[in-house]
Amino acid sequence: MTLDDAQHTVDDWIKTVGVRYFNELTNMAMLTEEVGEVARIIARRYGEQSEKESDKAKDLGDEMADVLWVLLCLANQTGINLTDAFQRNLDKKNSRDATRHLNNEKLK
């Protein structure tokens, strides 16, 4: 599935099952909440905090997909084509950072 496909799939689902989009501010709060859930799993599973028994069954991929879902909603609501935006961002990174990381002594 491409980013375009994903944006259309989310839009179709919202319009047929979800009734309507939540407003942008609500979705921004939801995005923050979903990112927090990803952070909690990462901090406990891969970081120094111990993982609670109740968190061990949580699916990191599913939580990341929740983040993507809300991000796709926000892109649709604000008229952002994520394929185009991602390509522009990649172009920027390739031109701006072409040798930046290779020359970073901290990464060696």
PDB file of N, CA and C in Angstrom:
ATOM      1  N   MET A   1       0.857  -1.178   0.000  1.00  0.00           N
ATOM      2  CA  MET A   1       0.000   0.000   0.000  1.00  0.00           C
ATOM      3  C   MET A   1       0.902   1.239   0.000  1.00  0.00           C
ATOM      4  N   THR A   2       0.602   2.167  -0.870  1.00  0.00           N
ATOM      5  CA  THR A   2       1.355   3.420  -0.920  1.00  0.00           C
ATOM      6  C   THR A   2       0.777   4.411   0.088  1.00  0.00           C
ATOM      7  N   LEU A   3       1.496   5.507   0.303  1.00  0.00           N
ATOM      8  CA  LEU A   3       0.951   6.561   1.171  1.00  0.00           C
ATOM      9  C   LEU A   3      -0.353   7.106   0.589  1.00  0.00           C
ATOM     10  N   ASP A   4      -0.396   7.291  -0.731  1.00  0.00           N
ATOM     11  CA  ASP A   4      -1.644   7.749  -1.366  1.00  0.00           C
ATOM     12  C   ASP A   4      -2.783   6.778  -1.098  1.00  0.00           C
ATOM     13  N   ASP A   5      -2.497   5.490  -1.274  1.00  0.00           N
ATOM     14  CA  ASP A   5      -3.521   4.469  -1.006  1.00  0.00           C
ATOM     15  C   ASP A   5      -3.989   4.550   0.448  1.00  0.00           C
ATOM     16  N   ALA A   6      -3.034   4.694   1.353  1.00  0.00           N
ATOM     17  CA  ALA A   6      -3.372   4.760   2.776  1.00  0.00           C
ATOM     18  C   ALA A   6      -4.245   5.981   3.064  1.00  0.00           C
ATOM     19  N   GLN A   7      -3.887   7.125   2.499  1.00  0.00           N
ATOM     20  CA  GLN A   7      -4.701   8.328   2.726  1.00  0.00           C
ATOM     21  C   GLN A   7      -6.117   8.129   2.199  1.00  0.00           C
ATOM     22  N   HIS A   8      -6.245   7.519   1.034  1.00  0.00           N
ATOM     23  CA  HIS A   8      -7.588   7.283   0.464  1.00  0.00           C
ATOM     24  C   HIS A   8      -8.360   6.257   1.285  1.00  0.00           C
ATOM     25  N   THR A   9      -7.671   5.215   1.743  1.00  0.00           N
ATOM     26  CA  THR A   9      -8.326   4.183   2.553  1.00  0.00           C
ATOM     27  C   THR A   9      -8.877   4.773   3.843  1.00  0.00           C
ATOM     28  N   VAL A  10      -8.059   5.595   4.517  1.00  0.00           N
ATOM     29  CA  VAL A  10      -8.512   6.242   5.754  1.00  0.00           C
ATOM     30  C   VAL A  10      -9.691   7.167   5.461  1.00  0.00           C
ATOM     31  N   ASP A  11      -9.587   7.952   4.406  1.00  0.00           N
ATOM     32  CA  ASP A  11     -10.667   8.877   4.062  1.00  0.00           C
ATOM     33  C   ASP A  11     -11.967   8.125   3.775  1.00  0.00           C
ATOM     34  N   ASP A  12     -11.866   7.043   3.009  1.00  0.00           N
ATOM     35  CA  ASP A  12     -13.061   6.236   2.722  1.00  0.00           C
ATOM     36  C   ASP A  12     -13.661   5.661   4.000  1.00  0.00           C
ATOM     37  N   TRP A  13     -12.797   5.155   4.891  1.00  0.00           N
ATOM     38  CA  TRP A  13     -13.286   4.571   6.144  1.00  0.00           C
ATOM     39  C   TRP A  13     -13.976   5.624   7.003  1.00  0.00           C
ATOM     40  N   ILE A  14     -13.357   6.789   7.117  1.00  0.00           N
ATOM     41  CA  ILE A  14     -13.945   7.867   7.926  1.00  0.00           C
ATOM     42  C   ILE A  14     -15.317   8.233   7.379  1.00  0.00           C
ATOM     43  N   LYS A  15     -15.433   8.344   6.065  1.00  0.00           N
ATOM     44  CA  LYS A  15     -16.689   8.792   5.457  1.00  0.00           C
ATOM     45  C   LYS A  15     -17.776   7.728   5.460  1.00  0.00           C
ATOM     46  N   THR A  16     -17.405   6.450   5.553  1.00  0.00           N
ATOM     47  CA  THR A  16     -18.426   5.403   5.505  1.00  0.00           C
ATOM     48  C   THR A  16     -18.695   4.758   6.860  1.00  0.00           C
ATOM     49  N   VAL A  17     -17.674   4.664   7.708  1.00  0.00           N
ATOM     50  CA  VAL A  17     -17.815   3.997   9.000  1.00  0.00           C
ATOM     51  C   VAL A  17     -17.681   4.989  10.154  1.00  0.00           C
ATOM     52  N   GLY A  18     -16.752   5.882  10.036  1.00  0.00           N
ATOM     53  CA  GLY A  18     -16.446   6.794  11.128  1.00  0.00           C
ATOM     54  C   GLY A  18     -17.327   8.018  11.223  1.00  0.00           C
ATOM     55  N   VAL A  19     -18.252   8.163  10.331  1.00  0.00           N
ATOM     56  CA  VAL A  19     -19.218   9.268  10.265  1.00  0.00           C
ATOM     57  C   VAL A  19     -18.554  10.559   9.783  1.00  0.00           C
ATOM     58  N   ARG A  20     -17.536  11.042  10.508  1.00  0.00           N
ATOM     59  CA  ARG A  20     -16.815  12.249  10.098  1.00  0.00           C
ATOM     60  C   ARG A  20     -15.485  12.283  10.820  1.00  0.00           C
ATOM     61  N   TYR A  21     -14.607  13.156  10.348  1.00  0.00           N
ATOM     62  CA  TYR A  21     -13.338  13.350  11.037  1.00  0.00           C
ATOM     63  C   TYR A  21     -13.580  14.091  12.347  1.00  0.00           C
ATOM     64  N   PHE A  22     -12.822  13.740  13.385  1.00  0.00           N
ATOM     65  CA  PHE A  22     -12.750  14.604  14.556  1.00  0.00           C
ATOM     66  C   PHE A  22     -12.054  15.876  14.108  1.00  0.00           C
ATOM     67  N   ASN A  23     -12.259  16.977  14.804  1.00  0.00           N
ATOM     68  CA  ASN A  23     -11.585  18.200  14.363  1.00  0.00           C
ATOM     69  C   ASN A  23     -10.071  18.066  14.520  1.00  0.00           C
ATOM     70  N   GLU A  24      -9.361  18.962  13.875  1.00  0.00           N
ATOM     71  CA  GLU A  24      -7.905  18.882  13.825  1.00  0.00           C
ATOM     72  C   GLU A  24      -7.261  18.925  15.219  1.00  0.00           C
ATOM     73  N   LEU A  25      -7.794  19.739  16.094  1.00  0.00           N
ATOM     74  CA  LEU A  25      -7.231  19.842  17.432  1.00  0.00           C
ATOM     75  C   LEU A  25      -7.431  18.542  18.216  1.00  0.00           C
ATOM     76  N   THR A  26      -8.600  17.944  18.086  1.00  0.00           N
ATOM     77  CA  THR A  26      -8.846  16.652  18.722  1.00  0.00           C
ATOM     78  C   THR A  26      -7.899  15.599  18.165  1.00  0.00           C
ATOM     79  N   ASN A  27      -7.732  15.575  16.850  1.00  0.00           N
ATOM     80  CA  ASN A  27      -6.829  14.606  16.249  1.00  0.00           C
ATOM     81  C   ASN A  27      -5.376  14.852  16.657  1.00  0.00           C
ATOM     82  N   MET A  28      -4.994  16.099  16.845  1.00  0.00           N
ATOM     83  CA  MET A  28      -3.636  16.381  17.307  1.00  0.00           C
ATOM     84  C   MET A  28      -3.441  15.827  18.715  1.00  0.00           C
ATOM     85  N   ALA A  29      -4.438  15.991  19.566  1.00  0.00           N
ATOM     86  CA  ALA A  29      -4.369  15.432  20.915  1.00  0.00           C
ATOM     87  C   ALA A  29      -4.314  13.906  20.851  1.00  0.00           C
ATOM     88  N   MET A  30      -5.092  13.320  19.954  1.00  0.00           N
ATOM     89  CA  MET A  30      -5.082  11.865  19.801  1.00  0.00           C
ATOM     90  C   MET A  30      -3.726  11.385  19.291  1.00  0.00           C
ATOM     91  N   LEU A  31      -3.120  12.133  18.364  1.00  0.00           N
ATOM     92  CA  LEU A  31      -1.796  11.780  17.864  1.00  0.00           C
ATOM     93  C   LEU A  31      -0.777  11.771  19.000  1.00  0.00           C
ATOM     94  N   THR A  32      -0.842  12.781  19.837  1.00  0.00           N
ATOM     95  CA  THR A  32       0.058  12.873  20.979  1.00  0.00           C
ATOM     96  C   THR A  32      -0.141  11.676  21.912  1.00  0.00           C
ATOM     97  N   GLU A  33      -1.382  11.318  22.144  1.00  0.00           N
ATOM     98  CA  GLU A  33      -1.698  10.174  22.989  1.00  0.00           C
ATOM     99  C   GLU A  33      -1.125   8.880  22.406  1.00  0.00           C
ATOM    100  N   GLU A  34      -1.303   8.695  21.098  1.00  0.00           N
ATOM    101  CA  GLU A  34      -0.807   7.478  20.444  1.00  0.00           C
ATOM    102  C   GLU A  34       0.718   7.424  20.459  1.00  0.00           C
ATOM    103  N   VAL A  35       1.375   8.550  20.231  1.00  0.00           N
ATOM    104  CA  VAL A  35       2.840   8.594  20.298  1.00  0.00           C
ATOM    105  C   VAL A  35       3.293   8.252  21.715  1.00  0.00           C
ATOM    106  N   GLY A  36       2.558   8.708  22.696  1.00  0.00           N
ATOM    107  CA  GLY A  36       2.874   8.377  24.080  1.00  0.00           C
ATOM    108  C   GLY A  36       2.794   6.884  24.342  1.00  0.00           C
ATOM    109  N   GLU A  37       1.833   6.216  23.732  1.00  0.00           N
ATOM    110  CA  GLU A  37       1.719   4.765  23.902  1.00  0.00           C
ATOM    111  C   GLU A  37       2.914   4.054  23.283  1.00  0.00           C
ATOM    112  N   VAL A  38       3.363   4.526  22.125  1.00  0.00           N
ATOM    113  CA  VAL A  38       4.568   3.967  21.503  1.00  0.00           C
ATOM    114  C   VAL A  38       5.773   4.215  22.405  1.00  0.00           C
ATOM    115  N   ALA A  39       5.881   5.428  22.920  1.00  0.00           N
ATOM    116  CA  ALA A  39       7.008   5.776  23.795  1.00  0.00           C
ATOM    117  C   ALA A  39       7.029   4.898  25.040  1.00  0.00           C
ATOM    118  N   ARG A  40       5.877   4.625  25.602  1.00  0.00           N
ATOM    119  CA  ARG A  40       5.804   3.791  26.806  1.00  0.00           C
ATOM    120  C   ARG A  40       6.346   2.400  26.532  1.00  0.00           C
ATOM    121  N   ILE A  41       5.937   1.809  25.415  1.00  0.00           N
ATOM    122  CA  ILE A  41       6.420   0.471  25.076  1.00  0.00           C
ATOM    123  C   ILE A  41       7.929   0.491  24.832  1.00  0.00           C
ATOM    124  N   ILE A  42       8.405   1.454  24.060  1.00  0.00           N
ATOM    125  CA  ILE A  42       9.840   1.541  23.746  1.00  0.00           C
ATOM    126  C   ILE A  42      10.649   1.744  25.033  1.00  0.00           C
ATOM    127  N   ALA A  43      10.197   2.657  25.897  1.00  0.00           N
ATOM    128  CA  ALA A  43      10.930   2.954  27.128  1.00  0.00           C
ATOM    129  C   ALA A  43      11.047   1.729  28.021  1.00  0.00           C
ATOM    130  N   ARG A  44      10.004   0.933  28.051  1.00  0.00           N
ATOM    131  CA  ARG A  44      10.009  -0.216  28.946  1.00  0.00           C
ATOM    132  C   ARG A  44      10.608  -1.461  28.305  1.00  0.00           C
ATOM    133  N   ARG A  45      10.390  -1.626  27.023  1.00  0.00           N
ATOM    134  CA  ARG A  45      10.881  -2.834  26.360  1.00  0.00           C
ATOM    135  C   ARG A  45      12.343  -2.712  25.947  1.00  0.00           C
ATOM    136  N   TYR A  46      12.738  -1.516  25.526  1.00  0.00           N
ATOM    137  CA  TYR A  46      14.096  -1.327  25.018  1.00  0.00           C
ATOM    138  C   TYR A  46      14.932  -0.377  25.869  1.00  0.00           C
ATOM    139  N   GLY A  47      14.292   0.357  26.745  1.00  0.00           N
ATOM    140  CA  GLY A  47      14.992   1.305  27.601  1.00  0.00           C
ATOM    141  C   GLY A  47      15.295   0.715  28.958  1.00  0.00           C
ATOM    142  N   GLU A  48      15.540   1.579  29.882  1.00  0.00           N
ATOM    143  CA  GLU A  48      15.979   1.156  31.207  1.00  0.00           C
ATOM    144  C   GLU A  48      14.850   0.905  32.194  1.00  0.00           C
ATOM    145  N   GLN A  49      13.638   1.311  31.858  1.00  0.00           N
ATOM    146  CA  GLN A  49      12.521   1.049  32.766  1.00  0.00           C
ATOM    147  C   GLN A  49      12.099  -0.406  32.650  1.00  0.00           C
ATOM    148  N   SER A  50      11.608  -0.958  33.756  1.00  0.00           N
ATOM    149  CA  SER A  50      11.106  -2.330  33.710  1.00  0.00           C
ATOM    150  C   SER A  50       9.713  -2.329  33.086  1.00  0.00           C
ATOM    151  N   GLU A  51       9.436  -3.402  32.381  1.00  0.00           N
ATOM    152  CA  GLU A  51       8.146  -3.522  31.700  1.00  0.00           C
ATOM    153  C   GLU A  51       7.131  -4.160  32.634  1.00  0.00           C
ATOM    154  N   LYS A  52       6.001  -3.502  32.769  1.00  0.00           N
ATOM    155  CA  LYS A  52       4.934  -4.058  33.601  1.00  0.00           C
ATOM    156  C   LYS A  52       4.356  -5.291  32.911  1.00  0.00           C
ATOM    157  N   GLU A  53       3.894  -6.219  33.717  1.00  0.00           N
ATOM    158  CA  GLU A  53       3.316  -7.444  33.171  1.00  0.00           C
ATOM    159  C   GLU A  53       2.173  -7.119  32.206  1.00  0.00           C
ATOM    160  N   SER A  54       1.389  -6.105  32.549  1.00  0.00           N
ATOM    161  CA  SER A  54       0.239  -5.735  31.715  1.00  0.00           C
ATOM    162  C   SER A  54       0.659  -5.130  30.379  1.00  0.00           C
ATOM    163  N   ASP A  55       1.906  -4.662  30.259  1.00  0.00           N
ATOM    164  CA  ASP A  55       2.381  -4.060  29.010  1.00  0.00           C
ATOM    165  C   ASP A  55       3.060  -5.062  28.086  1.00  0.00           C
ATOM    166  N   LYS A  56       3.416  -6.226  28.608  1.00  0.00           N
ATOM    167  CA  LYS A  56       4.202  -7.196  27.832  1.00  0.00           C
ATOM    168  C   LYS A  56       3.468  -7.721  26.604  1.00  0.00           C
ATOM    169  N   ALA A  57       2.158  -7.737  26.643  1.00  0.00           N
ATOM    170  CA  ALA A  57       1.379  -8.247  25.514  1.00  0.00           C
ATOM    171  C   ALA A  57       1.067  -7.165  24.481  1.00  0.00           C
ATOM    172  N   LYS A  58       1.435  -5.931  24.774  1.00  0.00           N
ATOM    173  CA  LYS A  58       1.107  -4.841  23.843  1.00  0.00           C
ATOM    174  C   LYS A  58       1.917  -4.981  22.564  1.00  0.00           C
ATOM    175  N   ASP A  59       1.264  -4.741  21.450  1.00  0.00           N
ATOM    176  CA  ASP A  59       1.857  -4.903  20.122  1.00  0.00           C
ATOM    177  C   ASP A  59       2.403  -3.557  19.650  1.00  0.00           C
ATOM    178  N   LEU A  60       3.718  -3.432  19.599  1.00  0.00           N
ATOM    179  CA  LEU A  60       4.344  -2.176  19.184  1.00  0.00           C
ATOM    180  C   LEU A  60       3.938  -1.789  17.772  1.00  0.00           C
ATOM    181  N   GLY A  61       3.872  -2.752  16.877  1.00  0.00           N
ATOM    182  CA  GLY A  61       3.462  -2.468  15.503  1.00  0.00           C
ATOM    183  C   GLY A  61       2.060  -1.899  15.428  1.00  0.00           C
ATOM    184  N   ASP A  62       1.159  -2.457  16.212  1.00  0.00           N
ATOM    185  CA  ASP A  62      -0.218  -1.960  16.242  1.00  0.00           C
ATOM    186  C   ASP A  62      -0.264  -0.531  16.770  1.00  0.00           C
ATOM    187  N   GLU A  63       0.535  -0.250  17.787  1.00  0.00           N
ATOM    188  CA  GLU A  63       0.571   1.115  18.331  1.00  0.00           C
ATOM    189  C   GLU A  63       1.159   2.086  17.310  1.00  0.00           C
ATOM    190  N   MET A  64       2.181   1.659  16.577  1.00  0.00           N
ATOM    191  CA  MET A  64       2.736   2.510  15.521  1.00  0.00           C
ATOM    192  C   MET A  64       1.706   2.746  14.414  1.00  0.00           C
ATOM    193  N   ALA A  65       0.929   1.723  14.111  1.00  0.00           N
ATOM    194  CA  ALA A  65      -0.126   1.878  13.105  1.00  0.00           C
ATOM    195  C   ALA A  65      -1.190   2.865  13.567  1.00  0.00           C
ATOM    196  N   ASP A  66      -1.479   2.896  14.870  1.00  0.00           N
ATOM    197  CA  ASP A  66      -2.408   3.897  15.407  1.00  0.00           C
ATOM    198  C   ASP A  66      -1.869   5.309  15.171  1.00  0.00           C
ATOM    199  N   VAL A  67      -0.552   5.488  15.376  1.00  0.00           N
ATOM    200  CA  VAL A  67       0.077   6.794  15.113  1.00  0.00           C
ATOM    201  C   VAL A  67      -0.098   7.153  13.645  1.00  0.00           C
ATOM    202  N   LEU A  68       0.189   6.204  12.767  1.00  0.00           N
ATOM    203  CA  LEU A  68       0.066   6.450  11.329  1.00  0.00           C
ATOM    204  C   LEU A  68      -1.370   6.791  10.941  1.00  0.00           C
ATOM    205  N   TRP A  69      -2.330   6.086  11.524  1.00  0.00           N
ATOM    206  CA  TRP A  69      -3.744   6.337  11.221  1.00  0.00           C
ATOM    207  C   TRP A  69      -4.116   7.796  11.506  1.00  0.00           C
ATOM    208  N   VAL A  70      -3.771   8.261  12.698  1.00  0.00           N
ATOM    209  CA  VAL A  70      -4.147   9.627  13.075  1.00  0.00           C
ATOM    210  C   VAL A  70      -3.372  10.637  12.232  1.00  0.00           C
ATOM    211  N   LEU A  71      -2.113  10.341  11.920  1.00  0.00           N
ATOM    212  CA  LEU A  71      -1.341  11.227  11.049  1.00  0.00           C
ATOM    213  C   LEU A  71      -1.978  11.310   9.660  1.00  0.00           C
ATOM    214  N   LEU A  72      -2.437  10.186   9.154  1.00  0.00           N
ATOM    215  CA  LEU A  72      -3.136  10.184   7.860  1.00  0.00           C
ATOM    216  C   LEU A  72      -4.422  11.003   7.930  1.00  0.00           C
ATOM    217  N   CYS A  73      -5.137  10.894   9.031  1.00  0.00           N
ATOM    218  CA  CYS A  73      -6.343  11.717   9.219  1.00  0.00           C
ATOM    219  C   CYS A  73      -5.990  13.199   9.152  1.00  0.00           C
ATOM    220  N   LEU A  74      -4.972  13.588   9.893  1.00  0.00           N
ATOM    221  CA  LEU A  74      -4.573  15.005   9.909  1.00  0.00           C
ATOM    222  C   LEU A  74      -4.122  15.478   8.537  1.00  0.00           C
ATOM    223  N   ALA A  75      -3.409  14.633   7.821  1.00  0.00           N
ATOM    224  CA  ALA A  75      -2.989  15.003   6.468  1.00  0.00           C
ATOM    225  C   ALA A  75      -4.212  15.217   5.576  1.00  0.00           C
ATOM    226  N   ASN A  76      -5.157  14.307   5.649  1.00  0.00           N
ATOM    227  CA  ASN A  76      -6.377  14.452   4.843  1.00  0.00           C
ATOM    228  C   ASN A  76      -7.127  15.731   5.203  1.00  0.00           C
ATOM    229  N   GLN A  77      -7.242  15.998   6.476  1.00  0.00           N
ATOM    230  CA  GLN A  77      -8.000  17.166   6.931  1.00  0.00           C
ATOM    231  C   GLN A  77      -7.367  18.485   6.523  1.00  0.00           C
ATOM    232  N   THR A  78      -6.043  18.495   6.438  1.00  0.00           N
ATOM    233  CA  THR A  78      -5.335  19.748   6.170  1.00  0.00           C
ATOM    234  C   THR A  78      -4.876  19.853   4.715  1.00  0.00           C
ATOM    235  N   GLY A  79      -5.300  18.909   3.887  1.00  0.00           N
ATOM    236  CA  GLY A  79      -4.997  18.967   2.463  1.00  0.00           C
ATOM    237  C   GLY A  79      -3.547  18.646   2.115  1.00  0.00           C
ATOM    238  N   ILE A  80      -2.891  17.859   2.966  1.00  0.00           N
ATOM    239  CA  ILE A  80      -1.502  17.490   2.717  1.00  0.00           C
ATOM    240  C   ILE A  80      -1.452  16.157   1.987  1.00  0.00           C
ATOM    241  N   ASN A  81      -0.758  16.127   0.863  1.00  0.00           N
ATOM    242  CA  ASN A  81      -0.476  14.881   0.176  1.00  0.00           C
ATOM    243  C   ASN A  81       0.840  14.371   0.754  1.00  0.00           C
ATOM    244  N   LEU A  82       0.770  13.307   1.546  1.00  0.00           N
ATOM    245  CA  LEU A  82       1.961  12.836   2.246  1.00  0.00           C
ATOM    246  C   LEU A  82       3.014  12.261   1.314  1.00  0.00           C
ATOM    247  N   THR A  83       2.608  11.732   0.171  1.00  0.00           N
ATOM    248  CA  THR A  83       3.597  11.253  -0.800  1.00  0.00           C
ATOM    249  C   THR A  83       4.458  12.412  -1.267  1.00  0.00           C
ATOM    250  N   ASP A  84       3.814  13.507  -1.652  1.00  0.00           N
ATOM    251  CA  ASP A  84       4.566  14.688  -2.100  1.00  0.00           C
ATOM    252  C   ASP A  84       5.389  15.284  -0.970  1.00  0.00           C
ATOM    253  N   ALA A  85       4.791  15.394   0.216  1.00  0.00           N
ATOM    254  CA  ALA A  85       5.500  15.979   1.356  1.00  0.00           C
ATOM    255  C   ALA A  85       6.699  15.134   1.742  1.00  0.00           C
ATOM    256  N   PHE A  86       6.541  13.816   1.737  1.00  0.00           N
ATOM    257  CA  PHE A  86       7.653  12.939   2.092  1.00  0.00           C
ATOM    258  C   PHE A  86       8.774  13.036   1.058  1.00  0.00           C
ATOM    259  N   GLN A  87       8.411  13.105  -0.213  1.00  0.00           N
ATOM    260  CA  GLN A  87       9.432  13.222  -1.263  1.00  0.00           C
ATOM    261  C   GLN A  87      10.211  14.529  -1.117  1.00  0.00           C
ATOM    262  N   ARG A  88       9.504  15.619  -0.860  1.00  0.00           N
ATOM    263  CA  ARG A  88      10.187  16.908  -0.640  1.00  0.00           C
ATOM    264  C   ARG A  88      11.110  16.832   0.578  1.00  0.00           C
ATOM    265  N   ASN A  89      10.635  16.173   1.628  1.00  0.00           N
ATOM    266  CA  ASN A  89      11.435  16.039   2.837  1.00  0.00           C
ATOM    267  C   ASN A  89      12.679  15.186   2.575  1.00  0.00           C
ATOM    268  N   LEU A  90      12.520  14.115   1.826  1.00  0.00           N
ATOM    269  CA  LEU A  90      13.648  13.263   1.478  1.00  0.00           C
ATOM    270  C   LEU A  90      14.661  14.015   0.621  1.00  0.00           C
ATOM    271  N   ASP A  91      14.162  14.791  -0.346  1.00  0.00           N
ATOM    272  CA  ASP A  91      15.048  15.619  -1.185  1.00  0.00           C
ATOM    273  C   ASP A  91      15.834  16.595  -0.324  1.00  0.00           C
ATOM    274  N   LYS A  92      15.166  17.218   0.629  1.00  0.00           N
ATOM    275  CA  LYS A  92      15.822  18.163   1.533  1.00  0.00           C
ATOM    276  C   LYS A  92      16.911  17.464   2.336  1.00  0.00           C
ATOM    277  N   LYS A  93      16.594  16.300   2.876  1.00  0.00           N
ATOM    278  CA  LYS A  93      17.571  15.560   3.667  1.00  0.00           C
ATOM    279  C   LYS A  93      18.765  15.134   2.813  1.00  0.00           C
ATOM    280  N   ASN A  94      18.494  14.704   1.598  1.00  0.00           N
ATOM    281  CA  ASN A  94      19.577  14.272   0.720  1.00  0.00           C
ATOM    282  C   ASN A  94      20.494  15.414   0.311  1.00  0.00           C
ATOM    283  N   SER A  95      19.949  16.600   0.152  1.00  0.00           N
ATOM    284  CA  SER A  95      20.807  17.725  -0.230  1.00  0.00           C
ATOM    285  C   SER A  95      21.471  18.355   0.992  1.00  0.00           C
ATOM    286  N   ARG A  96      20.756  18.544   2.046  1.00  0.00           N
ATOM    287  CA  ARG A  96      21.278  19.191   3.243  1.00  0.00           C
ATOM    288  C   ARG A  96      22.211  18.283   4.033  1.00  0.00           C
ATOM    289  N   ASP A  97      21.883  17.008   4.101  1.00  0.00           N
ATOM    290  CA  ASP A  97      22.605  16.098   4.982  1.00  0.00           C
ATOM    291  C   ASP A  97      23.440  15.063   4.231  1.00  0.00           C
ATOM    292  N   ALA A  98      23.761  15.343   2.968  1.00  0.00           N
ATOM    293  CA  ALA A  98      24.461  14.354   2.144  1.00  0.00           C
ATOM    294  C   ALA A  98      25.731  13.827   2.802  1.00  0.00           C
ATOM    295  N   THR A  99      26.494  14.678   3.448  1.00  0.00           N
ATOM    296  CA  THR A  99      27.729  14.230   4.103  1.00  0.00           C
ATOM    297  C   THR A  99      27.749  14.571   5.588  1.00  0.00           C
ATOM    298  N   ARG A 100      26.737  15.211   6.061  1.00  0.00           N
ATOM    299  CA  ARG A 100      26.716  15.672   7.450  1.00  0.00           C
ATOM    300  C   ARG A 100      26.972  14.553   8.452  1.00  0.00           C
ATOM    301  N   HIS A 101      26.283  13.440   8.289  1.00  0.00           N
ATOM    302  CA  HIS A 101      26.414  12.352   9.252  1.00  0.00           C
ATOM    303  C   HIS A 101      27.717  11.576   9.043  1.00  0.00           C
ATOM    304  N   LEU A 102      28.159  11.472   7.809  1.00  0.00           N
ATOM    305  CA  LEU A 102      29.439  10.816   7.529  1.00  0.00           C
ATOM    306  C   LEU A 102      30.593  11.542   8.202  1.00  0.00           C
ATOM    307  N   ASN A 103      30.489  12.862   8.314  1.00  0.00           N
ATOM    308  CA  ASN A 103      31.555  13.683   8.897  1.00  0.00           C
ATOM    309  C   ASN A 103      31.353  13.955  10.378  1.00  0.00           C
ATOM    310  N   ASN A 104      30.364  13.350  10.994  1.00  0.00           N
ATOM    311  CA  ASN A 104      30.082  13.581  12.408  1.00  0.00           C
ATOM    312  C   ASN A 104      30.925  12.637  13.253  1.00  0.00           C
ATOM    313  N   GLU A 105      31.884  13.188  13.942  1.00  0.00           N
ATOM    314  CA  GLU A 105      32.770  12.388  14.779  1.00  0.00           C
ATOM    315  C   GLU A 105      32.011  11.646  15.886  1.00  0.00           C
ATOM    316  N   LYS A 106      30.897  12.193  16.319  1.00  0.00           N
ATOM    317  CA  LYS A 106      30.116  11.556  17.371  1.00  0.00           C
ATOM    318  C   LYS A 106      29.500  10.230  16.932  1.00  0.00           C
ATOM    319  N   LEU A 107      29.381  10.026  15.623  1.00  0.00           N
ATOM    320  CA  LEU A 107      28.757   8.801  15.101  1.00  0.00           C
ATOM    321  C   LEU A 107      29.784   7.729  14.767  1.00  0.00           C
ATOM    322  N   LYS A 108      31.043   8.009  14.964  1.00  0.00           N
ATOM    323  CA  LYS A 108      32.085   7.011  14.607  1.00  0.00           C
ATOM    324  C   LYS A 108      32.430   6.127  15.760  1.00  0.00           C
TER     325      LYS A 108
END
